[in-house]
Amino acid sequence: MEWGELTLGSSKNVEFYVKSTSRVNVKLELRVNNWTPAGIDNYLTIHWDNEGTVLSPTREILATVTLEVTSDDDFIDFLIENEVIAFGFDITIFASGV
């Protein structure tokens, strides 16, 4: 996903479809890890609109992931001190049986 340019206090959304290929109902969960640089997750928040959603077999839903940037001026200090010009993280969507 490309987030583009971000500013303090801003948020960006990315939409995509999630389709179940399971033969049973599954509950969706989003996990975020492997933040780079370390510590940037203190200033960025990721959430989505389908946490805990139960998805039935072959059903497809539109999902929105939102990235929120803190409005705290300390984030600017963090970026400068760590010479941050890019950031990254991994998003994994898990489906577990219900």
PDB file of N, CA and C in Angstrom:
ATOM      1  N   MET A   1       0.837  -1.173   0.000  1.00  0.00           N
ATOM      2  CA  MET A   1       0.000   0.000   0.000  1.00  0.00           C
ATOM      3  C   MET A   1       0.887   1.242   0.000  1.00  0.00           C
ATOM      4  N   GLU A   2       0.509   2.197  -0.744  1.00  0.00           N
ATOM      5  CA  GLU A   2       1.205   3.476  -0.750  1.00  0.00           C
ATOM      6  C   GLU A   2       0.370   4.478   0.042  1.00  0.00           C
ATOM      7  N   TRP A   3       0.973   5.110   1.035  1.00  0.00           N
ATOM      8  CA  TRP A   3       0.253   6.060   1.875  1.00  0.00           C
ATOM      9  C   TRP A   3       0.447   7.495   1.415  1.00  0.00           C
ATOM     10  N   GLY A   4       1.463   7.732   0.606  1.00  0.00           N
ATOM     11  CA  GLY A   4       1.704   9.085   0.122  1.00  0.00           C
ATOM     12  C   GLY A   4       2.248   9.982   1.212  1.00  0.00           C
ATOM     13  N   GLU A   5       2.106  11.270   1.015  1.00  0.00           N
ATOM     14  CA  GLU A   5       2.598  12.252   1.984  1.00  0.00           C
ATOM     15  C   GLU A   5       1.614  12.381   3.140  1.00  0.00           C
ATOM     16  N   LEU A   6       2.159  12.427   4.354  1.00  0.00           N
ATOM     17  CA  LEU A   6       1.331  12.527   5.552  1.00  0.00           C
ATOM     18  C   LEU A   6       1.709  13.773   6.340  1.00  0.00           C
ATOM     19  N   THR A   7       0.749  14.341   7.044  1.00  0.00           N
ATOM     20  CA  THR A   7       0.997  15.500   7.897  1.00  0.00           C
ATOM     21  C   THR A   7       0.503  15.207   9.297  1.00  0.00           C
ATOM     22  N   LEU A   8       0.986  15.988  10.273  1.00  0.00           N
ATOM     23  CA  LEU A   8       0.544  15.810  11.660  1.00  0.00           C
ATOM     24  C   LEU A   8      -0.970  15.886  11.749  1.00  0.00           C
ATOM     25  N   GLY A   9      -1.558  14.951  12.480  1.00  0.00           N
ATOM     26  CA  GLY A   9      -2.989  14.945  12.704  1.00  0.00           C
ATOM     27  C   GLY A   9      -3.814  14.438  11.534  1.00  0.00           C
ATOM     28  N   SER A  10      -3.166  13.971  10.484  1.00  0.00           N
ATOM     29  CA  SER A  10      -3.913  13.514   9.308  1.00  0.00           C
ATOM     30  C   SER A  10      -4.212  12.023   9.384  1.00  0.00           C
ATOM     31  N   SER A  11      -5.062  11.580   8.489  1.00  0.00           N
ATOM     32  CA  SER A  11      -5.331  10.150   8.349  1.00  0.00           C
ATOM     33  C   SER A  11      -5.543   9.846   6.869  1.00  0.00           C
ATOM     34  N   LYS A  12      -5.258   8.612   6.521  1.00  0.00           N
ATOM     35  CA  LYS A  12      -5.441   8.149   5.142  1.00  0.00           C
ATOM     36  C   LYS A  12      -6.114   6.791   5.191  1.00  0.00           C
ATOM     37  N   ASN A  13      -6.961   6.551   4.212  1.00  0.00           N
ATOM     38  CA  ASN A  13      -7.663   5.279   4.095  1.00  0.00           C
ATOM     39  C   ASN A  13      -7.228   4.534   2.841  1.00  0.00           C
ATOM     40  N   VAL A  14      -7.190   3.210   2.945  1.00  0.00           N
ATOM     41  CA  VAL A  14      -6.974   2.343   1.799  1.00  0.00           C
ATOM     42  C   VAL A  14      -8.095   1.309   1.821  1.00  0.00           C
ATOM     43  N   GLU A  15      -8.731   1.117   0.676  1.00  0.00           N
ATOM     44  CA  GLU A  15      -9.817   0.144   0.574  1.00  0.00           C
ATOM     45  C   GLU A  15      -9.387  -1.045  -0.275  1.00  0.00           C
ATOM     46  N   PHE A  16      -9.894  -2.213   0.098  1.00  0.00           N
ATOM     47  CA  PHE A  16      -9.630  -3.434  -0.657  1.00  0.00           C
ATOM     48  C   PHE A  16     -10.712  -4.441  -0.299  1.00  0.00           C
ATOM     49  N   TYR A  17     -10.800  -5.495  -1.084  1.00  0.00           N
ATOM     50  CA  TYR A  17     -11.797  -6.530  -0.836  1.00  0.00           C
ATOM     51  C   TYR A  17     -11.154  -7.727  -0.146  1.00  0.00           C
ATOM     52  N   VAL A  18     -11.912  -8.326   0.777  1.00  0.00           N
ATOM     53  CA  VAL A  18     -11.505  -9.550   1.459  1.00  0.00           C
ATOM     54  C   VAL A  18     -12.546 -10.604   1.091  1.00  0.00           C
ATOM     55  N   LYS A  19     -12.059 -11.724   0.576  1.00  0.00           N
ATOM     56  CA  LYS A  19     -12.969 -12.799   0.188  1.00  0.00           C
ATOM     57  C   LYS A  19     -12.585 -14.081   0.911  1.00  0.00           C
ATOM     58  N   SER A  20     -13.583 -14.731   1.448  1.00  0.00           N
ATOM     59  CA  SER A  20     -13.352 -16.000   2.129  1.00  0.00           C
ATOM     60  C   SER A  20     -13.310 -17.138   1.117  1.00  0.00           C
ATOM     61  N   THR A  21     -12.293 -17.966   1.219  1.00  0.00           N
ATOM     62  CA  THR A  21     -12.218 -19.194   0.423  1.00  0.00           C
ATOM     63  C   THR A  21     -12.418 -20.411   1.324  1.00  0.00           C
ATOM     64  N   SER A  22     -12.806 -20.141   2.560  1.00  0.00           N
ATOM     65  CA  SER A  22     -13.034 -21.193   3.540  1.00  0.00           C
ATOM     66  C   SER A  22     -14.385 -21.864   3.306  1.00  0.00           C
ATOM     67  N   ARG A  23     -14.546 -23.020   3.895  1.00  0.00           N
ATOM     68  CA  ARG A  23     -15.838 -23.722   3.835  1.00  0.00           C
ATOM     69  C   ARG A  23     -16.653 -23.505   5.107  1.00  0.00           C
ATOM     70  N   VAL A  24     -16.077 -22.730   6.037  1.00  0.00           N
ATOM     71  CA  VAL A  24     -16.762 -22.446   7.305  1.00  0.00           C
ATOM     72  C   VAL A  24     -16.728 -20.940   7.572  1.00  0.00           C
ATOM     73  N   ASN A  25     -17.576 -20.489   8.480  1.00  0.00           N
ATOM     74  CA  ASN A  25     -17.527 -19.089   8.893  1.00  0.00           C
ATOM     75  C   ASN A  25     -16.201 -18.812   9.592  1.00  0.00           C
ATOM     76  N   VAL A  26     -15.633 -17.640   9.327  1.00  0.00           N
ATOM     77  CA  VAL A  26     -14.378 -17.249   9.971  1.00  0.00           C
ATOM     78  C   VAL A  26     -14.507 -15.844  10.529  1.00  0.00           C
ATOM     79  N   LYS A  27     -13.756 -15.589  11.604  1.00  0.00           N
ATOM     80  CA  LYS A  27     -13.705 -14.268  12.216  1.00  0.00           C
ATOM     81  C   LYS A  27     -12.408 -13.594  11.788  1.00  0.00           C
ATOM     82  N   LEU A  28     -12.509 -12.318  11.366  1.00  0.00           N
ATOM     83  CA  LEU A  28     -11.355 -11.589  10.854  1.00  0.00           C
ATOM     84  C   LEU A  28     -10.648 -10.796  11.943  1.00  0.00           C
ATOM     85  N   GLU A  29      -9.322 -10.765  11.828  1.00  0.00           N
ATOM     86  CA  GLU A  29      -8.498 -10.008  12.767  1.00  0.00           C
ATOM     87  C   GLU A  29      -7.324  -9.411  11.997  1.00  0.00           C
ATOM     88  N   LEU A  30      -7.011  -8.161  12.261  1.00  0.00           N
ATOM     89  CA  LEU A  30      -5.882  -7.490  11.627  1.00  0.00           C
ATOM     90  C   LEU A  30      -4.763  -7.320  12.638  1.00  0.00           C
ATOM     91  N   ARG A  31      -3.548  -7.652  12.219  1.00  0.00           N
ATOM     92  CA  ARG A  31      -2.368  -7.451  13.070  1.00  0.00           C
ATOM     93  C   ARG A  31      -1.339  -6.645  12.291  1.00  0.00           C
ATOM     94  N   VAL A  32      -0.663  -5.766  13.010  1.00  0.00           N
ATOM     95  CA  VAL A  32       0.384  -4.937  12.409  1.00  0.00           C
ATOM     96  C   VAL A  32       1.671  -5.187  13.192  1.00  0.00           C
ATOM     97  N   ASN A  33       2.769  -5.469  12.468  1.00  0.00           N
ATOM     98  CA  ASN A  33       4.061  -5.677  13.125  1.00  0.00           C
ATOM     99  C   ASN A  33       5.192  -5.285  12.178  1.00  0.00           C
ATOM    100  N   ASN A  34       6.413  -5.486  12.640  1.00  0.00           N
ATOM    101  CA  ASN A  34       7.621  -5.171  11.870  1.00  0.00           C
ATOM    102  C   ASN A  34       7.696  -3.700  11.455  1.00  0.00           C
ATOM    103  N   TRP A  35       7.401  -2.822  12.406  1.00  0.00           N
ATOM    104  CA  TRP A  35       7.477  -1.383  12.136  1.00  0.00           C
ATOM    105  C   TRP A  35       8.929  -0.971  11.903  1.00  0.00           C
ATOM    106  N   THR A  36       9.162  -0.190  10.863  1.00  0.00           N
ATOM    107  CA  THR A  36      10.477   0.397  10.632  1.00  0.00           C
ATOM    108  C   THR A  36      10.311   1.866  10.283  1.00  0.00           C
ATOM    109  N   PRO A  37      11.066   2.725  10.871  1.00  0.00           N
ATOM    110  CA  PRO A  37      12.048   2.443  11.909  1.00  0.00           C
ATOM    111  C   PRO A  37      11.365   2.109  13.238  1.00  0.00           C
ATOM    112  N   ALA A  38      12.103   1.440  14.106  1.00  0.00           N
ATOM    113  CA  ALA A  38      11.580   1.100  15.431  1.00  0.00           C
ATOM    114  C   ALA A  38      11.156   2.375  16.144  1.00  0.00           C
ATOM    115  N   GLY A  39      10.012   2.319  16.794  1.00  0.00           N
ATOM    116  CA  GLY A  39       9.518   3.461  17.559  1.00  0.00           C
ATOM    117  C   GLY A  39       8.514   4.319  16.816  1.00  0.00           C
ATOM    118  N   ILE A  40       8.416   4.164  15.502  1.00  0.00           N
ATOM    119  CA  ILE A  40       7.477   5.006  14.754  1.00  0.00           C
ATOM    120  C   ILE A  40       6.033   4.651  15.090  1.00  0.00           C
ATOM    121  N   ASP A  41       5.817   3.425  15.572  1.00  0.00           N
ATOM    122  CA  ASP A  41       4.465   3.018  15.952  1.00  0.00           C
ATOM    123  C   ASP A  41       3.939   3.780  17.169  1.00  0.00           C
ATOM    124  N   ASN A  42       4.795   4.548  17.829  1.00  0.00           N
ATOM    125  CA  ASN A  42       4.338   5.419  18.914  1.00  0.00           C
ATOM    126  C   ASN A  42       3.592   6.631  18.362  1.00  0.00           C
ATOM    127  N   TYR A  43       3.729   6.876  17.073  1.00  0.00           N
ATOM    128  CA  TYR A  43       3.160   8.072  16.454  1.00  0.00           C
ATOM    129  C   TYR A  43       2.151   7.769  15.355  1.00  0.00           C
ATOM    130  N   LEU A  44       2.090   6.522  14.916  1.00  0.00           N
ATOM    131  CA  LEU A  44       1.163   6.110  13.874  1.00  0.00           C
ATOM    132  C   LEU A  44       0.237   5.036  14.420  1.00  0.00           C
ATOM    133  N   THR A  45      -1.026   5.093  14.035  1.00  0.00           N
ATOM    134  CA  THR A  45      -2.010   4.113  14.471  1.00  0.00           C
ATOM    135  C   THR A  45      -2.699   3.538  13.240  1.00  0.00           C
ATOM    136  N   ILE A  46      -2.887   2.237  13.253  1.00  0.00           N
ATOM    137  CA  ILE A  46      -3.585   1.582  12.153  1.00  0.00           C
ATOM    138  C   ILE A  46      -4.770   0.811  12.716  1.00  0.00           C
ATOM    139  N   HIS A  47      -5.909   0.978  12.062  1.00  0.00           N
ATOM    140  CA  HIS A  47      -7.080   0.190  12.421  1.00  0.00           C
ATOM    141  C   HIS A  47      -7.903  -0.051  11.166  1.00  0.00           C
ATOM    142  N   TRP A  48      -8.868  -0.942  11.286  1.00  0.00           N
ATOM    143  CA  TRP A  48      -9.737  -1.208  10.146  1.00  0.00           C
ATOM    144  C   TRP A  48     -11.156  -1.415  10.612  1.00  0.00           C
ATOM    145  N   ASP A  49     -12.062  -1.450   9.666  1.00  0.00           N
ATOM    146  CA  ASP A  49     -13.486  -1.470   9.976  1.00  0.00           C
ATOM    147  C   ASP A  49     -14.085  -2.872  10.023  1.00  0.00           C
ATOM    148  N   ASN A  50     -13.253  -3.904  10.029  1.00  0.00           N
ATOM    149  CA  ASN A  50     -13.790  -5.262  10.013  1.00  0.00           C
ATOM    150  C   ASN A  50     -13.255  -6.152  11.121  1.00  0.00           C
ATOM    151  N   GLU A  51     -12.674  -5.562  12.163  1.00  0.00           N
ATOM    152  CA  GLU A  51     -12.163  -6.357  13.279  1.00  0.00           C
ATOM    153  C   GLU A  51     -13.311  -7.148  13.901  1.00  0.00           C
ATOM    154  N   GLY A  52     -13.151  -8.465  13.964  1.00  0.00           N
ATOM    155  CA  GLY A  52     -14.171  -9.312  14.563  1.00  0.00           C
ATOM    156  C   GLY A  52     -15.325  -9.663  13.642  1.00  0.00           C
ATOM    157  N   THR A  53     -15.314  -9.163  12.417  1.00  0.00           N
ATOM    158  CA  THR A  53     -16.369  -9.488  11.463  1.00  0.00           C
ATOM    159  C   THR A  53     -16.360 -10.975  11.165  1.00  0.00           C
ATOM    160  N   VAL A  54     -17.527 -11.584  11.135  1.00  0.00           N
ATOM    161  CA  VAL A  54     -17.637 -12.988  10.761  1.00  0.00           C
ATOM    162  C   VAL A  54     -17.955 -13.035   9.266  1.00  0.00           C
ATOM    163  N   LEU A  55     -17.101 -13.725   8.559  1.00  0.00           N
ATOM    164  CA  LEU A  55     -17.216 -13.831   7.107  1.00  0.00           C
ATOM    165  C   LEU A  55     -17.649 -15.250   6.758  1.00  0.00           C
ATOM    166  N   SER A  56     -18.744 -15.359   6.034  1.00  0.00           N
ATOM    167  CA  SER A  56     -19.249 -16.681   5.651  1.00  0.00           C
ATOM    168  C   SER A  56     -18.560 -17.164   4.378  1.00  0.00           C
ATOM    169  N   PRO A  57     -18.619 -18.461   4.116  1.00  0.00           N
ATOM    170  CA  PRO A  57     -17.941 -19.031   2.948  1.00  0.00           C
ATOM    171  C   PRO A  57     -18.297 -18.312   1.652  1.00  0.00           C
ATOM    172  N   THR A  58     -17.301 -18.058   0.862  1.00  0.00           N
ATOM    173  CA  THR A  58     -17.348 -17.409  -0.459  1.00  0.00           C
ATOM    174  C   THR A  58     -17.847 -15.958  -0.430  1.00  0.00           C
ATOM    175  N   ARG A  59     -18.108 -15.417   0.731  1.00  0.00           N
ATOM    176  CA  ARG A  59     -18.558 -14.025   0.826  1.00  0.00           C
ATOM    177  C   ARG A  59     -17.378 -13.078   0.643  1.00  0.00           C
ATOM    178  N   GLU A  60     -17.637 -11.933   0.044  1.00  0.00           N
ATOM    179  CA  GLU A  60     -16.621 -10.907  -0.179  1.00  0.00           C
ATOM    180  C   GLU A  60     -17.108  -9.596   0.443  1.00  0.00           C
ATOM    181  N   ILE A  61     -16.205  -8.907   1.155  1.00  0.00           N
ATOM    182  CA  ILE A  61     -16.568  -7.633   1.771  1.00  0.00           C
ATOM    183  C   ILE A  61     -15.522  -6.576   1.444  1.00  0.00           C
ATOM    184  N   LEU A  62     -15.959  -5.334   1.436  1.00  0.00           N
ATOM    185  CA  LEU A  62     -15.050  -4.206   1.259  1.00  0.00           C
ATOM    186  C   LEU A  62     -14.485  -3.844   2.627  1.00  0.00           C
ATOM    187  N   ALA A  63     -13.170  -3.741   2.701  1.00  0.00           N
ATOM    188  CA  ALA A  63     -12.500  -3.392   3.955  1.00  0.00           C
ATOM    189  C   ALA A  63     -11.774  -2.066   3.791  1.00  0.00           C
ATOM    190  N   THR A  64     -11.744  -1.294   4.858  1.00  0.00           N
ATOM    191  CA  THR A  64     -11.013  -0.035   4.875  1.00  0.00           C
ATOM    192  C   THR A  64     -10.004  -0.057   6.011  1.00  0.00           C
ATOM    193  N   VAL A  65      -8.730   0.150   5.662  1.00  0.00           N
ATOM    194  CA  VAL A  65      -7.669   0.294   6.653  1.00  0.00           C
ATOM    195  C   VAL A  65      -7.347   1.774   6.748  1.00  0.00           C
ATOM    196  N   THR A  66      -7.273   2.274   7.983  1.00  0.00           N
ATOM    197  CA  THR A  66      -6.982   3.686   8.220  1.00  0.00           C
ATOM    198  C   THR A  66      -5.659   3.830   8.943  1.00  0.00           C
ATOM    199  N   LEU A  67      -4.816   4.702   8.420  1.00  0.00           N
ATOM    200  CA  LEU A  67      -3.555   5.066   9.057  1.00  0.00           C
ATOM    201  C   LEU A  67      -3.721   6.466   9.613  1.00  0.00           C
ATOM    202  N   GLU A  68      -3.550   6.620  10.927  1.00  0.00           N
ATOM    203  CA  GLU A  68      -3.681   7.920  11.586  1.00  0.00           C
ATOM    204  C   GLU A  68      -2.318   8.373  12.093  1.00  0.00           C
ATOM    205  N   VAL A  69      -2.029   9.653  11.881  1.00  0.00           N
ATOM    206  CA  VAL A  69      -0.771  10.254  12.312  1.00  0.00           C
ATOM    207  C   VAL A  69      -1.057  11.116  13.535  1.00  0.00           C
ATOM    208  N   THR A  70      -0.246  10.978  14.559  1.00  0.00           N
ATOM    209  CA  THR A  70      -0.421  11.789  15.757  1.00  0.00           C
ATOM    210  C   THR A  70      -0.316  13.275  15.421  1.00  0.00           C
ATOM    211  N   SER A  71      -0.911  14.090  16.237  1.00  0.00           N
ATOM    212  CA  SER A  71      -0.761  15.546  16.081  1.00  0.00           C
ATOM    213  C   SER A  71       0.311  16.080  17.031  1.00  0.00           C
ATOM    214  N   ASP A  72       0.983  15.170  17.746  1.00  0.00           N
ATOM    215  CA  ASP A  72       2.015  15.529  18.719  1.00  0.00           C
ATOM    216  C   ASP A  72       3.280  16.035  18.015  1.00  0.00           C
ATOM    217  N   ASP A  73       3.738  17.217  18.393  1.00  0.00           N
ATOM    218  CA  ASP A  73       4.951  17.796  17.809  1.00  0.00           C
ATOM    219  C   ASP A  73       6.191  16.936  18.061  1.00  0.00           C
ATOM    220  N   ASP A  74       6.148  16.060  19.060  1.00  0.00           N
ATOM    221  CA  ASP A  74       7.283  15.169  19.330  1.00  0.00           C
ATOM    222  C   ASP A  74       7.570  14.262  18.132  1.00  0.00           C
ATOM    223  N   PHE A  75       6.560  14.028  17.307  1.00  0.00           N
ATOM    224  CA  PHE A  75       6.755  13.192  16.131  1.00  0.00           C
ATOM    225  C   PHE A  75       7.760  13.835  15.167  1.00  0.00           C
ATOM    226  N   ILE A  76       7.706  15.148  15.037  1.00  0.00           N
ATOM    227  CA  ILE A  76       8.667  15.860  14.186  1.00  0.00           C
ATOM    228  C   ILE A  76      10.081  15.638  14.714  1.00  0.00           C
ATOM    229  N   ASP A  77      10.254  15.744  16.037  1.00  0.00           N
ATOM    230  CA  ASP A  77      11.567  15.502  16.640  1.00  0.00           C
ATOM    231  C   ASP A  77      12.039  14.076  16.347  1.00  0.00           C
ATOM    232  N   PHE A  78      11.134  13.111  16.468  1.00  0.00           N
ATOM    233  CA  PHE A  78      11.469  11.717  16.191  1.00  0.00           C
ATOM    234  C   PHE A  78      11.951  11.555  14.750  1.00  0.00           C
ATOM    235  N   LEU A  79      11.237  12.160  13.813  1.00  0.00           N
ATOM    236  CA  LEU A  79      11.604  12.052  12.398  1.00  0.00           C
ATOM    237  C   LEU A  79      12.981  12.646  12.126  1.00  0.00           C
ATOM    238  N   ILE A  80      13.242  13.792  12.725  1.00  0.00           N
ATOM    239  CA  ILE A  80      14.534  14.467  12.518  1.00  0.00           C
ATOM    240  C   ILE A  80      15.662  13.683  13.167  1.00  0.00           C
ATOM    241  N   GLU A  81      15.477  13.298  14.433  1.00  0.00           N
ATOM    242  CA  GLU A  81      16.527  12.582  15.167  1.00  0.00           C
ATOM    243  C   GLU A  81      16.888  11.249  14.515  1.00  0.00           C
ATOM    244  N   ASN A  82      15.904  10.602  13.895  1.00  0.00           N
ATOM    245  CA  ASN A  82      16.122   9.294  13.283  1.00  0.00           C
ATOM    246  C   ASN A  82      16.300   9.372  11.765  1.00  0.00           C
ATOM    247  N   GLU A  83      16.355  10.588  11.250  1.00  0.00           N
ATOM    248  CA  GLU A  83      16.541  10.818   9.815  1.00  0.00           C
ATOM    249  C   GLU A  83      15.577   9.983   8.974  1.00  0.00           C
ATOM    250  N   VAL A  84      14.303  10.011   9.372  1.00  0.00           N
ATOM    251  CA  VAL A  84      13.286   9.199   8.709  1.00  0.00           C
ATOM    252  C   VAL A  84      12.853   9.859   7.399  1.00  0.00           C
ATOM    253  N   ILE A  85      12.978   9.122   6.319  1.00  0.00           N
ATOM    254  CA  ILE A  85      12.457   9.594   5.035  1.00  0.00           C
ATOM    255  C   ILE A  85      11.405   8.621   4.491  1.00  0.00           C
ATOM    256  N   ALA A  86      11.312   7.448   5.131  1.00  0.00           N
ATOM    257  CA  ALA A  86      10.312   6.451   4.757  1.00  0.00           C
ATOM    258  C   ALA A  86      10.038   5.582   5.982  1.00  0.00           C
ATOM    259  N   PHE A  87       8.906   4.928   5.980  1.00  0.00           N
ATOM    260  CA  PHE A  87       8.561   4.021   7.063  1.00  0.00           C
ATOM    261  C   PHE A  87       7.892   2.796   6.469  1.00  0.00           C
ATOM    262  N   GLY A  88       7.807   1.746   7.274  1.00  0.00           N
ATOM    263  CA  GLY A  88       7.164   0.529   6.802  1.00  0.00           C
ATOM    264  C   GLY A  88       6.626  -0.306   7.942  1.00  0.00           C
ATOM    265  N   PHE A  89       5.772  -1.233   7.587  1.00  0.00           N
ATOM    266  CA  PHE A  89       5.195  -2.176   8.534  1.00  0.00           C
ATOM    267  C   PHE A  89       4.524  -3.273   7.734  1.00  0.00           C
ATOM    268  N   ASP A  90       4.227  -4.367   8.395  1.00  0.00           N
ATOM    269  CA  ASP A  90       3.507  -5.484   7.771  1.00  0.00           C
ATOM    270  C   ASP A  90       2.102  -5.552   8.352  1.00  0.00           C
ATOM    271  N   ILE A  91       1.135  -5.726   7.481  1.00  0.00           N
ATOM    272  CA  ILE A  91      -0.249  -5.953   7.895  1.00  0.00           C
ATOM    273  C   ILE A  91      -0.601  -7.383   7.524  1.00  0.00           C
ATOM    274  N   THR A  92      -1.138  -8.114   8.484  1.00  0.00           N
ATOM    275  CA  THR A  92      -1.599  -9.473   8.242  1.00  0.00           C
ATOM    276  C   THR A  92      -3.045  -9.566   8.672  1.00  0.00           C
ATOM    277  N   ILE A  93      -3.873 -10.146   7.830  1.00  0.00           N
ATOM    278  CA  ILE A  93      -5.271 -10.374   8.178  1.00  0.00           C
ATOM    279  C   ILE A  93      -5.431 -11.874   8.428  1.00  0.00           C
ATOM    280  N   PHE A  94      -5.877 -12.196   9.630  1.00  0.00           N
ATOM    281  CA  PHE A  94      -6.073 -13.578  10.040  1.00  0.00           C
ATOM    282  C   PHE A  94      -7.554 -13.910  10.000  1.00  0.00           C
ATOM    283  N   ALA A  95      -7.847 -15.144   9.630  1.00  0.00           N
ATOM    284  CA  ALA A  95      -9.215 -15.652   9.665  1.00  0.00           C
ATOM    285  C   ALA A  95      -9.208 -16.898  10.532  1.00  0.00           C
ATOM    286  N   SER A  96      -9.961 -16.850  11.612  1.00  0.00           N
ATOM    287  CA  SER A  96     -10.018 -17.999  12.513  1.00  0.00           C
ATOM    288  C   SER A  96     -11.443 -18.521  12.575  1.00  0.00           C
ATOM    289  N   GLY A  97     -11.576 -19.809  12.765  1.00  0.00           N
ATOM    290  CA  GLY A  97     -12.886 -20.428  12.833  1.00  0.00           C
ATOM    291  C   GLY A  97     -13.692 -19.929  14.014  1.00  0.00           C
ATOM    292  N   VAL A  98     -15.005 -19.880  13.833  1.00  0.00           N
ATOM    293  CA  VAL A  98     -15.889 -19.452  14.912  1.00  0.00           C
ATOM    294  C   VAL A  98     -16.755 -20.584  15.381  1.00  0.00           C
TER     295      VAL A  98
END
